Amino acid sequence: MILEFIFPDDRIEVQVNLLDNPGVQTWANKFLNNNYTTSVLAHDHLWVPEIDTTKINHAVSECGRLINQLTQHGIIYSGPDIGTADRPTLNHVHRFFTHNQQRCNVREFGSNFDYDSVMSMLDSINTCVHDLEVFLPRGPVDMPVSQIEEIKLYHPTQYGTTDWVDLSDYHQYHSDQHYDVILSSEVLGKTLLQSYLDQDDPTDWDTSGHYVSAGGLQISYLPTRQQIYQSDSFKNWLYKYNANPNELKYDFPIGNIQDRDTGSFQQVLAQLDRHKFNDVSVIYRKNT
């Protein structure tokens, strides 16, 4: 696979050697045929921006309004007051979102239920949670790394459309080993890494790994994920929830960058640093 990085003043091709398994092949068949194009975002999982009180107050108010509105549809929130907006509260509200969205997905409420309105409100609650959590420090105090810097290739895609590919038959290809290119966090719930950073319960079904993909990738060019997975901090977190590490879904690897430390990818890093990720895109292509 070729990832062609398009900068305002340059184009750089990066060769990714894909893994040879049916899951990766299914993904590639979907996204390498039509010049699939993404934005390029800097992604430091541990970065916390300056507090924005106006944004926080708006998100808290909006989330509370939506929770109250859902009671009219028989969906009742029973948990801590969203006004505290601390990590345990946001974990609880996020699980309220995932569990009820799944109930909608399987049409649990019957044929006369207003699924479109409820799904829209649940999606908005999820947005509020993510708007709030960016202002909270991530990870436990004994975390073995201070940064998790990656490159996110992202294309906004409405869930449930034909723009997604079904990977539910390929759960066995998740891995806790390092790969340069993995699927991004397009899951209903949280990736295992995010659950660890939030100190959330990894045994709940919504820490589920990848059932689908809309094409998003994460370039994980530093071994920080594996440093976490192998750490005592991570093992202690699993022990707290009586989670079996052999039953968890880690990352979904796509492949490795050819000549990562000496080739064109180093030019990409230099250009990204220069352009600060502004006006940069990536086209996915098959090898010629």
C-alpha atoms as a PDB file:
ATOM      1  CA  MET A   1       0.000   0.000   0.000  1.00  0.00           C
ATOM      2  CA  ILE A   2       1.116   3.542  -0.768  1.00  0.00           C
ATOM      3  CA  LEU A   3       0.212   6.424   1.551  1.00  0.00           C
ATOM      4  CA  GLU A   4       0.710   9.559  -0.523  1.00  0.00           C
ATOM      5  CA  PHE A   5       1.062  12.578   1.764  1.00  0.00           C
ATOM      6  CA  ILE A   6      -0.075  15.780   0.039  1.00  0.00           C
ATOM      7  CA  PHE A   7       1.553  18.916   1.474  1.00  0.00           C
ATOM      8  CA  PRO A   8       1.009  22.486   0.245  1.00  0.00           C
ATOM      9  CA  ASP A   9       4.420  22.351  -1.443  1.00  0.00           C
ATOM     10  CA  ASP A  10       5.263  18.650  -1.793  1.00  0.00           C
ATOM     11  CA  ARG A  11       3.967  15.099  -2.310  1.00  0.00           C
ATOM     12  CA  ILE A  12       5.685  12.222  -0.530  1.00  0.00           C
ATOM     13  CA  GLU A  13       4.910   8.524  -0.974  1.00  0.00           C
ATOM     14  CA  VAL A  14       5.290   6.144   1.959  1.00  0.00           C
ATOM     15  CA  GLN A  15       5.316   2.404   1.325  1.00  0.00           C
ATOM     16  CA  VAL A  16       3.414   0.278   3.852  1.00  0.00           C
ATOM     17  CA  ASN A  17       3.963  -3.474   3.702  1.00  0.00           C
ATOM     18  CA  LEU A  18       0.551  -4.942   4.477  1.00  0.00           C
ATOM     19  CA  LEU A  19       0.114  -7.980   6.678  1.00  0.00           C
ATOM     20  CA  ASP A  20      -0.957 -11.113   4.841  1.00  0.00           C
ATOM     21  CA  ASN A  21      -4.229 -12.115   6.465  1.00  0.00           C
ATOM     22  CA  PRO A  22      -7.912 -12.106   5.423  1.00  0.00           C
ATOM     23  CA  GLY A  23      -8.806  -9.203   7.739  1.00  0.00           C
ATOM     24  CA  VAL A  24      -6.258  -6.855   6.211  1.00  0.00           C
ATOM     25  CA  GLN A  25      -7.156  -8.053   2.712  1.00  0.00           C
ATOM     26  CA  THR A  26     -10.841  -7.290   3.326  1.00  0.00           C
ATOM     27  CA  TRP A  27      -9.927  -3.811   4.555  1.00  0.00           C
ATOM     28  CA  ALA A  28      -7.593  -3.226   1.581  1.00  0.00           C
ATOM     29  CA  ASN A  29     -10.193  -4.349  -0.955  1.00  0.00           C
ATOM     30  CA  LYS A  30     -12.524  -1.681   0.414  1.00  0.00           C
ATOM     31  CA  PHE A  31     -10.190   1.298   0.695  1.00  0.00           C
ATOM     32  CA  LEU A  32      -7.351   0.920  -1.825  1.00  0.00           C
ATOM     33  CA  ASN A  33      -9.337   1.045  -5.053  1.00  0.00           C
ATOM     34  CA  ASN A  34     -10.760   4.570  -5.303  1.00  0.00           C
ATOM     35  CA  ASN A  35      -8.127   7.068  -4.117  1.00  0.00           C
ATOM     36  CA  TYR A  36      -9.544   7.150  -0.594  1.00  0.00           C
ATOM     37  CA  THR A  37      -8.466  10.459   0.968  1.00  0.00           C
ATOM     38  CA  THR A  38      -8.105  11.449   4.613  1.00  0.00           C
ATOM     39  CA  SER A  39      -7.120  14.418   6.721  1.00  0.00           C
ATOM     40  CA  VAL A  40      -3.913  14.178   8.745  1.00  0.00           C
ATOM     41  CA  LEU A  41      -4.093  14.990  12.446  1.00  0.00           C
ATOM     42  CA  ALA A  42      -1.515  15.124  15.192  1.00  0.00           C
ATOM     43  CA  HIS A  43      -2.662  12.803  17.960  1.00  0.00           C
ATOM     44  CA  ASP A  44      -1.064  12.866  21.392  1.00  0.00           C
ATOM     45  CA  HIS A  45      -3.394  10.789  23.554  1.00  0.00           C
ATOM     46  CA  LEU A  46      -2.116  12.488  26.708  1.00  0.00           C
ATOM     47  CA  TRP A  47      -2.225  16.134  25.596  1.00  0.00           C
ATOM     48  CA  VAL A  48      -4.545  18.333  27.681  1.00  0.00           C
ATOM     49  CA  PRO A  49      -5.481  21.782  26.304  1.00  0.00           C
ATOM     50  CA  GLU A  50      -5.937  24.940  28.318  1.00  0.00           C
ATOM     51  CA  ILE A  51      -9.217  24.915  30.260  1.00  0.00           C
ATOM     52  CA  ASP A  52     -12.120  26.449  28.320  1.00  0.00           C
ATOM     53  CA  THR A  53     -14.810  27.169  30.916  1.00  0.00           C
ATOM     54  CA  THR A  54     -17.353  28.277  28.319  1.00  0.00           C
ATOM     55  CA  LYS A  55     -17.004  25.042  26.352  1.00  0.00           C
ATOM     56  CA  ILE A  56     -17.153  22.943  29.520  1.00  0.00           C
ATOM     57  CA  ASN A  57     -20.293  24.649  30.813  1.00  0.00           C
ATOM     58  CA  HIS A  58     -21.985  24.306  27.433  1.00  0.00           C
ATOM     59  CA  ALA A  59     -21.164  20.588  27.181  1.00  0.00           C
ATOM     60  CA  VAL A  60     -22.387  19.894  30.730  1.00  0.00           C
ATOM     61  CA  SER A  61     -25.620  21.810  30.130  1.00  0.00           C
ATOM     62  CA  GLU A  62     -26.228  20.150  26.757  1.00  0.00           C
ATOM     63  CA  CYS A  63     -25.554  16.669  28.108  1.00  0.00           C
ATOM     64  CA  GLY A  64     -27.959  17.227  31.003  1.00  0.00           C
ATOM     65  CA  ARG A  65     -30.632  18.511  28.631  1.00  0.00           C
ATOM     66  CA  LEU A  66     -30.293  15.482  26.376  1.00  0.00           C
ATOM     67  CA  ILE A  67     -30.390  13.035  29.278  1.00  0.00           C
ATOM     68  CA  ASN A  68     -33.611  14.640  30.506  1.00  0.00           C
ATOM     69  CA  GLN A  69     -35.081  14.555  27.013  1.00  0.00           C
ATOM     70  CA  LEU A  70     -34.349  10.850  26.650  1.00  0.00           C
ATOM     71  CA  THR A  71     -36.569  10.093  29.637  1.00  0.00           C
ATOM     72  CA  GLN A  72     -39.521  10.981  27.394  1.00  0.00           C
ATOM     73  CA  HIS A  73     -38.546   7.958  25.277  1.00  0.00           C
ATOM     74  CA  GLY A  74     -38.233   5.640  28.265  1.00  0.00           C
ATOM     75  CA  ILE A  75     -34.427   5.745  28.390  1.00  0.00           C
ATOM     76  CA  ILE A  76     -33.488   6.571  31.964  1.00  0.00           C
ATOM     77  CA  TYR A  77     -30.038   7.655  33.117  1.00  0.00           C
ATOM     78  CA  SER A  78     -29.126   6.476  36.611  1.00  0.00           C
ATOM     79  CA  GLY A  79     -25.673   7.629  37.560  1.00  0.00           C
ATOM     80  CA  PRO A  80     -23.598  10.455  38.987  1.00  0.00           C
ATOM     81  CA  ASP A  81     -24.510  14.056  38.244  1.00  0.00           C
ATOM     82  CA  ILE A  82     -22.942  15.069  34.936  1.00  0.00           C
ATOM     83  CA  GLY A  83     -22.128  18.448  36.480  1.00  0.00           C
ATOM     84  CA  THR A  84     -19.101  16.958  38.239  1.00  0.00           C
ATOM     85  CA  ALA A  85     -17.589  16.044  34.851  1.00  0.00           C
ATOM     86  CA  ASP A  86     -14.818  13.989  36.419  1.00  0.00           C
ATOM     87  CA  ARG A  87     -13.384  10.835  34.889  1.00  0.00           C
ATOM     88  CA  PRO A  88     -15.617   8.241  36.642  1.00  0.00           C
ATOM     89  CA  THR A  89     -18.705  10.292  35.749  1.00  0.00           C
ATOM     90  CA  LEU A  90     -17.729  10.610  32.097  1.00  0.00           C
ATOM     91  CA  ASN A  91     -16.973   6.882  31.939  1.00  0.00           C
ATOM     92  CA  HIS A  92     -20.465   6.224  33.274  1.00  0.00           C
ATOM     93  CA  VAL A  93     -22.158   8.606  30.835  1.00  0.00           C
ATOM     94  CA  HIS A  94     -20.168   7.179  27.919  1.00  0.00           C
ATOM     95  CA  ARG A  95     -21.316   3.661  28.816  1.00  0.00           C
ATOM     96  CA  PHE A  96     -24.893   4.983  28.994  1.00  0.00           C
ATOM     97  CA  PHE A  97     -24.370   6.104  25.390  1.00  0.00           C
ATOM     98  CA  THR A  98     -22.837   2.857  24.096  1.00  0.00           C
ATOM     99  CA  HIS A  99     -25.304   0.515  25.761  1.00  0.00           C
ATOM    100  CA  ASN A 100     -28.361   2.443  24.621  1.00  0.00           C
ATOM    101  CA  GLN A 101     -27.032   2.938  21.104  1.00  0.00           C
ATOM    102  CA  GLN A 102     -26.558  -0.818  20.890  1.00  0.00           C
ATOM    103  CA  ARG A 103     -30.138  -1.304  22.084  1.00  0.00           C
ATOM    104  CA  CYS A 104     -31.184   0.928  19.199  1.00  0.00           C
ATOM    105  CA  ASN A 105     -28.950  -0.936  16.750  1.00  0.00           C
ATOM    106  CA  VAL A 106     -30.719  -4.219  17.510  1.00  0.00           C
ATOM    107  CA  ARG A 107     -34.150  -2.500  17.494  1.00  0.00           C
ATOM    108  CA  GLU A 108     -34.862  -3.542  21.070  1.00  0.00           C
ATOM    109  CA  PHE A 109     -37.599  -0.938  21.584  1.00  0.00           C
ATOM    110  CA  GLY A 110     -40.034  -2.112  18.903  1.00  0.00           C
ATOM    111  CA  SER A 111     -41.195  -0.871  15.521  1.00  0.00           C
ATOM    112  CA  ASN A 112     -42.951   2.327  16.708  1.00  0.00           C
ATOM    113  CA  PHE A 113     -39.953   3.688  18.587  1.00  0.00           C
ATOM    114  CA  ASP A 114     -38.409   6.952  17.306  1.00  0.00           C
ATOM    115  CA  TYR A 115     -34.981   5.483  16.641  1.00  0.00           C
ATOM    116  CA  ASP A 116     -33.693   8.379  14.534  1.00  0.00           C
ATOM    117  CA  SER A 117     -34.330  10.992  17.218  1.00  0.00           C
ATOM    118  CA  VAL A 118     -32.968   8.836  20.029  1.00  0.00           C
ATOM    119  CA  MET A 119     -29.842   7.886  18.068  1.00  0.00           C
ATOM    120  CA  SER A 120     -29.234  11.553  17.311  1.00  0.00           C
ATOM    121  CA  MET A 121     -29.520  12.463  21.001  1.00  0.00           C
ATOM    122  CA  LEU A 122     -27.232   9.609  22.030  1.00  0.00           C
ATOM    123  CA  ASP A 123     -24.644  10.679  19.455  1.00  0.00           C
ATOM    124  CA  SER A 124     -24.814  14.213  20.843  1.00  0.00           C
ATOM    125  CA  ILE A 125     -24.271  12.896  24.376  1.00  0.00           C
ATOM    126  CA  ASN A 126     -21.191  11.062  23.129  1.00  0.00           C
ATOM    127  CA  THR A 127     -19.923  14.312  21.600  1.00  0.00           C
ATOM    128  CA  CYS A 128     -20.460  16.113  24.912  1.00  0.00           C
ATOM    129  CA  VAL A 129     -18.459  13.446  26.743  1.00  0.00           C
ATOM    130  CA  HIS A 130     -15.552  13.807  24.315  1.00  0.00           C
ATOM    131  CA  ASP A 131     -15.754  17.610  24.514  1.00  0.00           C
ATOM    132  CA  LEU A 132     -15.409  17.371  28.299  1.00  0.00           C
ATOM    133  CA  GLU A 133     -12.819  14.633  28.647  1.00  0.00           C
ATOM    134  CA  VAL A 134     -10.150  16.487  26.660  1.00  0.00           C
ATOM    135  CA  PHE A 135      -9.714  18.794  29.655  1.00  0.00           C
ATOM    136  CA  LEU A 136      -9.032  15.926  32.070  1.00  0.00           C
ATOM    137  CA  PRO A 137      -5.587  14.399  32.627  1.00  0.00           C
ATOM    138  CA  ARG A 138      -5.380  10.916  31.144  1.00  0.00           C
ATOM    139  CA  GLY A 139      -3.849   7.787  32.492  1.00  0.00           C
ATOM    140  CA  PRO A 140      -2.887   6.599  35.991  1.00  0.00           C
ATOM    141  CA  VAL A 141      -0.020   8.130  37.923  1.00  0.00           C
ATOM    142  CA  ASP A 142       2.125   5.024  37.409  1.00  0.00           C
ATOM    143  CA  MET A 143       1.799   5.054  33.629  1.00  0.00           C
ATOM    144  CA  PRO A 144       5.168   4.136  32.029  1.00  0.00           C
ATOM    145  CA  VAL A 145       5.119   6.856  29.334  1.00  0.00           C
ATOM    146  CA  SER A 146       4.513  10.610  29.379  1.00  0.00           C
ATOM    147  CA  GLN A 147       3.475  10.929  25.713  1.00  0.00           C
ATOM    148  CA  ILE A 148       1.691   8.753  23.168  1.00  0.00           C
ATOM    149  CA  GLU A 149       2.341  10.575  19.907  1.00  0.00           C
ATOM    150  CA  GLU A 150       0.786   9.191  16.743  1.00  0.00           C
ATOM    151  CA  ILE A 151      -0.465  10.378  13.359  1.00  0.00           C
ATOM    152  CA  LYS A 152      -4.180   9.996  12.737  1.00  0.00           C
ATOM    153  CA  LEU A 153      -5.548   9.580   9.207  1.00  0.00           C
ATOM    154  CA  TYR A 154      -9.205  10.525   9.439  1.00  0.00           C
ATOM    155  CA  HIS A 155     -12.152  10.741   7.060  1.00  0.00           C
ATOM    156  CA  PRO A 156     -15.513  11.756   8.625  1.00  0.00           C
ATOM    157  CA  THR A 157     -18.035   9.040   7.814  1.00  0.00           C
ATOM    158  CA  GLN A 158     -21.613   8.567   8.967  1.00  0.00           C
ATOM    159  CA  TYR A 159     -21.985   5.272  10.775  1.00  0.00           C
ATOM    160  CA  GLY A 160     -24.066   2.578   9.123  1.00  0.00           C
ATOM    161  CA  THR A 161     -23.537   3.675   5.522  1.00  0.00           C
ATOM    162  CA  THR A 162     -21.897   1.588   2.803  1.00  0.00           C
ATOM    163  CA  ASP A 163     -18.676   3.543   3.408  1.00  0.00           C
ATOM    164  CA  TRP A 164     -17.842   1.134   6.231  1.00  0.00           C
ATOM    165  CA  VAL A 165     -16.387  -2.362   5.904  1.00  0.00           C
ATOM    166  CA  ASP A 166     -17.424  -5.231   8.175  1.00  0.00           C
ATOM    167  CA  LEU A 167     -14.476  -6.819  10.024  1.00  0.00           C
ATOM    168  CA  SER A 168     -16.481  -8.784  12.570  1.00  0.00           C
ATOM    169  CA  ASP A 169     -15.148 -12.111  11.245  1.00  0.00           C
ATOM    170  CA  TYR A 170     -11.540 -11.121  11.868  1.00  0.00           C
ATOM    171  CA  HIS A 171     -11.277 -10.478  15.609  1.00  0.00           C
ATOM    172  CA  GLN A 172      -8.453 -13.007  15.846  1.00  0.00           C
ATOM    173  CA  TYR A 173      -6.120 -10.587  14.066  1.00  0.00           C
ATOM    174  CA  HIS A 174      -6.014  -8.070  16.915  1.00  0.00           C
ATOM    175  CA  SER A 175      -2.547  -7.985  18.470  1.00  0.00           C
ATOM    176  CA  ASP A 176      -0.626  -6.554  21.412  1.00  0.00           C
ATOM    177  CA  GLN A 177       2.574  -6.443  19.329  1.00  0.00           C
ATOM    178  CA  HIS A 178       3.986  -3.296  17.739  1.00  0.00           C
ATOM    179  CA  TYR A 179       2.991  -2.437  14.181  1.00  0.00           C
ATOM    180  CA  ASP A 180       3.553   0.928  12.534  1.00  0.00           C
ATOM    181  CA  VAL A 181       0.059   1.186  11.009  1.00  0.00           C
ATOM    182  CA  ILE A 182      -3.091   0.105  12.834  1.00  0.00           C
ATOM    183  CA  LEU A 183      -6.793   0.826  12.492  1.00  0.00           C
ATOM    184  CA  SER A 184      -7.862   4.047  14.193  1.00  0.00           C
ATOM    185  CA  SER A 185     -10.394   4.151  17.012  1.00  0.00           C
ATOM    186  CA  GLU A 186     -13.571   3.689  14.934  1.00  0.00           C
ATOM    187  CA  VAL A 187     -15.380   1.508  17.459  1.00  0.00           C
ATOM    188  CA  LEU A 188     -18.690   1.625  19.307  1.00  0.00           C
ATOM    189  CA  GLY A 189     -17.174   2.187  22.712  1.00  0.00           C
ATOM    190  CA  LYS A 190     -13.468   2.430  23.422  1.00  0.00           C
ATOM    191  CA  THR A 191     -10.276   0.840  22.289  1.00  0.00           C
ATOM    192  CA  LEU A 192      -8.394  -1.083  24.945  1.00  0.00           C
ATOM    193  CA  LEU A 193      -5.772   1.673  25.127  1.00  0.00           C
ATOM    194  CA  GLN A 194      -8.446   4.327  25.704  1.00  0.00           C
ATOM    195  CA  SER A 195     -10.093   2.252  28.416  1.00  0.00           C
ATOM    196  CA  TYR A 196      -6.733   2.016  30.173  1.00  0.00           C
ATOM    197  CA  LEU A 197      -6.129   5.765  29.891  1.00  0.00           C
ATOM    198  CA  ASP A 198      -9.618   6.391  31.295  1.00  0.00           C
ATOM    199  CA  GLN A 199      -9.156   3.653  33.917  1.00  0.00           C
ATOM    200  CA  ASP A 200     -12.478   2.271  32.722  1.00  0.00           C
ATOM    201  CA  ASP A 201     -13.728  -1.323  32.966  1.00  0.00           C
ATOM    202  CA  PRO A 202     -12.156  -3.363  30.116  1.00  0.00           C
ATOM    203  CA  THR A 203     -14.437  -6.347  30.693  1.00  0.00           C
ATOM    204  CA  ASP A 204     -17.521  -4.522  29.403  1.00  0.00           C
ATOM    205  CA  TRP A 205     -18.433  -5.506  25.830  1.00  0.00           C
ATOM    206  CA  ASP A 206     -17.939  -1.938  24.568  1.00  0.00           C
ATOM    207  CA  THR A 207     -14.168  -2.273  24.960  1.00  0.00           C
ATOM    208  CA  SER A 208     -14.626  -4.420  21.926  1.00  0.00           C
ATOM    209  CA  GLY A 209     -11.897  -3.995  19.370  1.00  0.00           C
ATOM    210  CA  HIS A 210     -12.779  -3.437  15.721  1.00  0.00           C
ATOM    211  CA  TYR A 211     -15.940  -4.814  14.186  1.00  0.00           C
ATOM    212  CA  VAL A 212     -15.957  -2.302  11.339  1.00  0.00           C
ATOM    213  CA  SER A 213     -13.735   0.325   9.730  1.00  0.00           C
ATOM    214  CA  ALA A 214     -14.416   3.516   7.819  1.00  0.00           C
ATOM    215  CA  GLY A 215     -10.843   3.562   6.574  1.00  0.00           C
ATOM    216  CA  GLY A 216      -9.228   5.521   9.381  1.00  0.00           C
ATOM    217  CA  LEU A 217      -5.658   4.632  10.326  1.00  0.00           C
ATOM    218  CA  GLN A 218      -3.280   5.381  13.148  1.00  0.00           C
ATOM    219  CA  ILE A 219       0.438   5.610  12.400  1.00  0.00           C
ATOM    220  CA  SER A 220       2.001   4.407  15.614  1.00  0.00           C
ATOM    221  CA  TYR A 221       5.641   4.934  14.795  1.00  0.00           C
ATOM    222  CA  LEU A 222       6.865   4.832  18.410  1.00  0.00           C
ATOM    223  CA  PRO A 223       6.608   1.706  20.625  1.00  0.00           C
ATOM    224  CA  THR A 224       4.647   3.455  23.387  1.00  0.00           C
ATOM    225  CA  ARG A 225       1.543   1.245  23.125  1.00  0.00           C
ATOM    226  CA  GLN A 226       3.613  -1.871  23.713  1.00  0.00           C
ATOM    227  CA  GLN A 227       5.470  -0.209  26.610  1.00  0.00           C
ATOM    228  CA  ILE A 228       2.059   0.302  28.193  1.00  0.00           C
ATOM    229  CA  TYR A 229       0.743  -3.197  27.437  1.00  0.00           C
ATOM    230  CA  GLN A 230       3.840  -4.768  28.988  1.00  0.00           C
ATOM    231  CA  SER A 231       3.909  -2.524  32.062  1.00  0.00           C
ATOM    232  CA  ASP A 232       2.997  -3.311  35.666  1.00  0.00           C
ATOM    233  CA  SER A 233       0.613  -0.357  35.532  1.00  0.00           C
ATOM    234  CA  PHE A 234      -1.403  -2.018  32.754  1.00  0.00           C
ATOM    235  CA  LYS A 235      -1.324  -5.429  34.435  1.00  0.00           C
ATOM    236  CA  ASN A 236      -2.506  -3.929  37.726  1.00  0.00           C
ATOM    237  CA  TRP A 237      -5.399  -2.253  35.925  1.00  0.00           C
ATOM    238  CA  LEU A 238      -6.450  -5.564  34.384  1.00  0.00           C
ATOM    239  CA  TYR A 239      -6.157  -7.257  37.778  1.00  0.00           C
ATOM    240  CA  LYS A 240      -8.436  -4.633  39.346  1.00  0.00           C
ATOM    241  CA  TYR A 241     -11.223  -5.703  36.966  1.00  0.00           C
ATOM    242  CA  ASN A 242     -10.317  -9.416  36.938  1.00  0.00           C
ATOM    243  CA  ALA A 243      -9.680  -9.127  33.191  1.00  0.00           C
ATOM    244  CA  ASN A 244      -7.893 -11.917  31.348  1.00  0.00           C
ATOM    245  CA  PRO A 245      -5.213 -10.317  29.112  1.00  0.00           C
ATOM    246  CA  ASN A 246      -5.507 -13.215  26.653  1.00  0.00           C
ATOM    247  CA  GLU A 247      -9.198 -12.487  26.051  1.00  0.00           C
ATOM    248  CA  LEU A 248      -8.848  -8.769  25.299  1.00  0.00           C
ATOM    249  CA  LYS A 249      -8.813  -7.094  21.893  1.00  0.00           C
ATOM    250  CA  TYR A 250      -5.712  -4.954  21.539  1.00  0.00           C
ATOM    251  CA  ASP A 251      -4.881  -3.144  18.276  1.00  0.00           C
ATOM    252  CA  PHE A 252      -5.848  -4.184  14.755  1.00  0.00           C
ATOM    253  CA  PRO A 253      -2.591  -4.059  12.755  1.00  0.00           C
ATOM    254  CA  ILE A 254      -2.512  -3.249   9.045  1.00  0.00           C
ATOM    255  CA  GLY A 255       1.212  -3.321   8.344  1.00  0.00           C
ATOM    256  CA  ASN A 256       4.638  -1.750   8.753  1.00  0.00           C
ATOM    257  CA  ILE A 257       6.278   1.217   7.060  1.00  0.00           C
ATOM    258  CA  GLN A 258       9.086   0.218   4.721  1.00  0.00           C
ATOM    259  CA  ASP A 259      12.418   1.768   5.754  1.00  0.00           C
ATOM    260  CA  ARG A 260      10.611   3.692   8.495  1.00  0.00           C
ATOM    261  CA  ASP A 261      13.747   5.103  10.118  1.00  0.00           C
ATOM    262  CA  THR A 262      15.688   5.984   6.970  1.00  0.00           C
ATOM    263  CA  GLY A 263      13.252   6.385   4.082  1.00  0.00           C
ATOM    264  CA  SER A 264      10.552   8.772   2.908  1.00  0.00           C
ATOM    265  CA  PHE A 265       8.609   8.577   6.166  1.00  0.00           C
ATOM    266  CA  GLN A 266      11.331  10.667   7.804  1.00  0.00           C
ATOM    267  CA  GLN A 267      10.672  13.342   5.166  1.00  0.00           C
ATOM    268  CA  VAL A 268       6.981  13.174   6.080  1.00  0.00           C
ATOM    269  CA  LEU A 269       7.778  13.763   9.757  1.00  0.00           C
ATOM    270  CA  ALA A 270       9.920  16.762   8.866  1.00  0.00           C
ATOM    271  CA  GLN A 271       7.189  18.237   6.659  1.00  0.00           C
ATOM    272  CA  LEU A 272       4.513  17.663   9.296  1.00  0.00           C
ATOM    273  CA  ASP A 273       6.650  19.476  11.827  1.00  0.00           C
ATOM    274  CA  ARG A 274       7.121  22.316   9.372  1.00  0.00           C
ATOM    275  CA  HIS A 275       3.470  22.625   8.349  1.00  0.00           C
ATOM    276  CA  LYS A 276       2.065  21.873  11.824  1.00  0.00           C
ATOM    277  CA  PHE A 277      -0.373  19.427  10.158  1.00  0.00           C
ATOM    278  CA  ASN A 278      -2.160  22.301   8.385  1.00  0.00           C
ATOM    279  CA  ASP A 279      -3.614  21.613   4.908  1.00  0.00           C
ATOM    280  CA  VAL A 280      -2.192  18.096   4.761  1.00  0.00           C
ATOM    281  CA  SER A 281      -4.038  15.086   3.351  1.00  0.00           C
ATOM    282  CA  VAL A 282      -3.263  11.480   2.451  1.00  0.00           C
ATOM    283  CA  ILE A 283      -4.390   9.369  -0.502  1.00  0.00           C
ATOM    284  CA  TYR A 284      -4.462   5.578  -0.102  1.00  0.00           C
ATOM    285  CA  ARG A 285      -3.302   3.673  -3.199  1.00  0.00           C
ATOM    286  CA  LYS A 286      -2.390   0.179  -4.232  1.00  0.00           C
ATOM    287  CA  ASN A 287       1.172  -0.572  -5.157  1.00  0.00           C
ATOM    288  CA  THR A 288       1.724  -0.046  -8.875  1.00  0.00           C
END
